């Protein structure tokens, strides 16, 4: 993926730490959003079956 390529070494992270942090936070936010949807929609729907 783009993330793996862009941040594939400590040197790349050290060169652009703010970009690394922003990119990583974006991934964590997307993951949190998915988990929230699963917890609040998917699992609720599954409980009704």
N, C-alpha and C. Protein backbone atom coordinates (compact mmCIF):
# COMPACT_ATOMS: atom_id res chain seq x y z
N UNK A 1 0.83 -1.19 0.00
CA UNK A 1 0.00 0.00 0.00
C UNK A 1 0.87 1.25 0.00
N UNK A 2 0.25 2.36 -0.25
CA UNK A 2 0.98 3.64 -0.25
C UNK A 2 1.63 3.90 1.11
N UNK A 3 0.89 3.62 2.16
CA UNK A 3 1.40 3.85 3.52
C UNK A 3 2.65 3.02 3.76
N UNK A 4 2.60 1.75 3.43
CA UNK A 4 3.75 0.87 3.66
C UNK A 4 4.97 1.34 2.88
N UNK A 5 4.74 1.78 1.65
CA UNK A 5 5.86 2.24 0.83
C UNK A 5 6.42 3.56 1.37
N UNK A 6 5.53 4.50 1.65
CA UNK A 6 5.98 5.83 2.07
C UNK A 6 6.70 5.79 3.40
N UNK A 7 6.27 4.95 4.32
CA UNK A 7 6.84 4.91 5.67
C UNK A 7 7.58 3.60 5.94
N UNK A 8 8.31 3.13 4.96
CA UNK A 8 8.95 1.81 5.04
C UNK A 8 10.26 1.78 5.81
N UNK A 9 10.72 2.93 6.29
CA UNK A 9 11.97 2.93 7.04
C UNK A 9 11.96 4.04 8.09
N UNK A 10 12.72 3.87 9.15
CA UNK A 10 12.81 4.93 10.16
C UNK A 10 13.32 6.24 9.58
N UNK A 11 14.18 6.16 8.60
CA UNK A 11 14.72 7.39 7.98
C UNK A 11 13.60 8.20 7.32
N UNK A 12 12.68 7.52 6.65
CA UNK A 12 11.58 8.22 5.99
C UNK A 12 10.68 8.89 7.03
N UNK A 13 10.46 8.22 8.14
CA UNK A 13 9.63 8.78 9.21
C UNK A 13 10.33 9.98 9.84
N UNK A 14 11.62 9.85 10.09
CA UNK A 14 12.38 10.95 10.69
C UNK A 14 12.44 12.16 9.78
N UNK A 15 12.42 11.93 8.47
CA UNK A 15 12.49 13.03 7.51
C UNK A 15 11.20 13.86 7.50
N UNK A 16 10.05 13.20 7.71
CA UNK A 16 8.76 13.89 7.66
C UNK A 16 7.86 13.42 8.81
N UNK A 17 8.25 13.69 10.04
CA UNK A 17 7.48 13.14 11.17
C UNK A 17 6.03 13.64 11.24
N UNK A 18 5.80 14.89 10.92
CA UNK A 18 4.43 15.41 10.99
C UNK A 18 3.52 14.73 9.97
N UNK A 19 4.04 14.52 8.76
CA UNK A 19 3.25 13.83 7.74
C UNK A 19 2.96 12.39 8.16
N UNK A 20 3.96 11.74 8.76
CA UNK A 20 3.77 10.37 9.24
C UNK A 20 2.67 10.33 10.31
N UNK A 21 2.72 11.26 11.24
CA UNK A 21 1.72 11.30 12.30
C UNK A 21 0.33 11.54 11.73
N UNK A 22 0.20 12.49 10.82
CA UNK A 22 -1.10 12.79 10.22
C UNK A 22 -1.64 11.59 9.45
N UNK A 23 -0.78 10.96 8.66
CA UNK A 23 -1.18 9.80 7.87
C UNK A 23 -1.62 8.66 8.80
N UNK A 24 -0.85 8.43 9.85
CA UNK A 24 -1.16 7.36 10.80
C UNK A 24 -2.45 7.65 11.54
N UNK A 25 -2.66 8.89 11.95
CA UNK A 25 -3.90 9.25 12.63
C UNK A 25 -5.10 9.05 11.72
N UNK A 26 -4.93 9.31 10.44
CA UNK A 26 -6.02 9.08 9.48
C UNK A 26 -6.41 7.62 9.41
N UNK A 27 -5.40 6.76 9.43
CA UNK A 27 -5.66 5.31 9.42
C UNK A 27 -6.37 4.89 10.70
N UNK A 28 -5.89 5.38 11.83
CA UNK A 28 -6.54 5.04 13.10
C UNK A 28 -7.98 5.54 13.15
N UNK A 29 -8.23 6.72 12.61
CA UNK A 29 -9.60 7.26 12.60
C UNK A 29 -10.50 6.40 11.72
N UNK A 30 -9.99 5.97 10.56
CA UNK A 30 -10.78 5.10 9.68
C UNK A 30 -11.08 3.77 10.37
N UNK A 31 -10.10 3.24 11.07
CA UNK A 31 -10.30 1.99 11.79
C UNK A 31 -11.33 2.16 12.91
N UNK A 32 -11.23 3.26 13.64
CA UNK A 32 -12.19 3.53 14.71
C UNK A 32 -13.60 3.65 14.15
N UNK A 33 -13.74 4.33 13.02
CA UNK A 33 -15.04 4.49 12.39
C UNK A 33 -15.62 3.14 11.99
N UNK A 34 -14.79 2.28 11.44
CA UNK A 34 -15.26 0.95 11.04
C UNK A 34 -15.69 0.13 12.26
N UNK A 35 -14.90 0.16 13.31
CA UNK A 35 -15.25 -0.58 14.52
C UNK A 35 -16.55 -0.05 15.12
N UNK A 36 -16.70 1.27 15.15
CA UNK A 36 -17.94 1.87 15.66
C UNK A 36 -19.15 1.41 14.85
N UNK A 37 -19.02 1.40 13.52
CA UNK A 37 -20.12 0.94 12.66
C UNK A 37 -20.45 -0.52 12.93
N UNK A 38 -19.42 -1.34 13.06
CA UNK A 38 -19.66 -2.76 13.35
C UNK A 38 -20.40 -2.91 14.68
N UNK A 39 -19.93 -2.20 15.69
CA UNK A 39 -20.55 -2.31 17.01
C UNK A 39 -21.97 -1.78 17.04
N UNK A 40 -22.22 -0.69 16.33
CA UNK A 40 -23.52 -0.02 16.42
C UNK A 40 -24.52 -0.43 15.36
N UNK A 41 -24.06 -1.06 14.29
CA UNK A 41 -24.97 -1.44 13.22
C UNK A 41 -24.93 -2.95 12.94
N UNK A 42 -23.78 -3.46 12.63
CA UNK A 42 -23.67 -4.87 12.24
C UNK A 42 -24.06 -5.80 13.38
N UNK A 43 -23.44 -5.63 14.52
CA UNK A 43 -23.71 -6.54 15.63
C UNK A 43 -25.13 -6.37 16.17
N UNK A 44 -25.65 -5.17 16.12
CA UNK A 44 -27.04 -4.93 16.53
C UNK A 44 -27.97 -5.68 15.58
N UNK A 45 -27.70 -5.61 14.29
CA UNK A 45 -28.52 -6.32 13.31
C UNK A 45 -28.41 -7.83 13.50
N UNK A 46 -27.23 -8.31 13.79
CA UNK A 46 -27.03 -9.74 14.00
C UNK A 46 -27.77 -10.23 15.23
N UNK A 47 -27.88 -9.40 16.24
CA UNK A 47 -28.59 -9.78 17.46
C UNK A 47 -30.09 -9.97 17.21
N UNK A 48 -30.63 -9.36 16.17
CA UNK A 48 -32.06 -9.48 15.88
C UNK A 48 -32.39 -10.74 15.11
N UNK A 49 -31.38 -11.42 14.63
CA UNK A 49 -31.61 -12.65 13.84
C UNK A 49 -31.84 -13.82 14.77
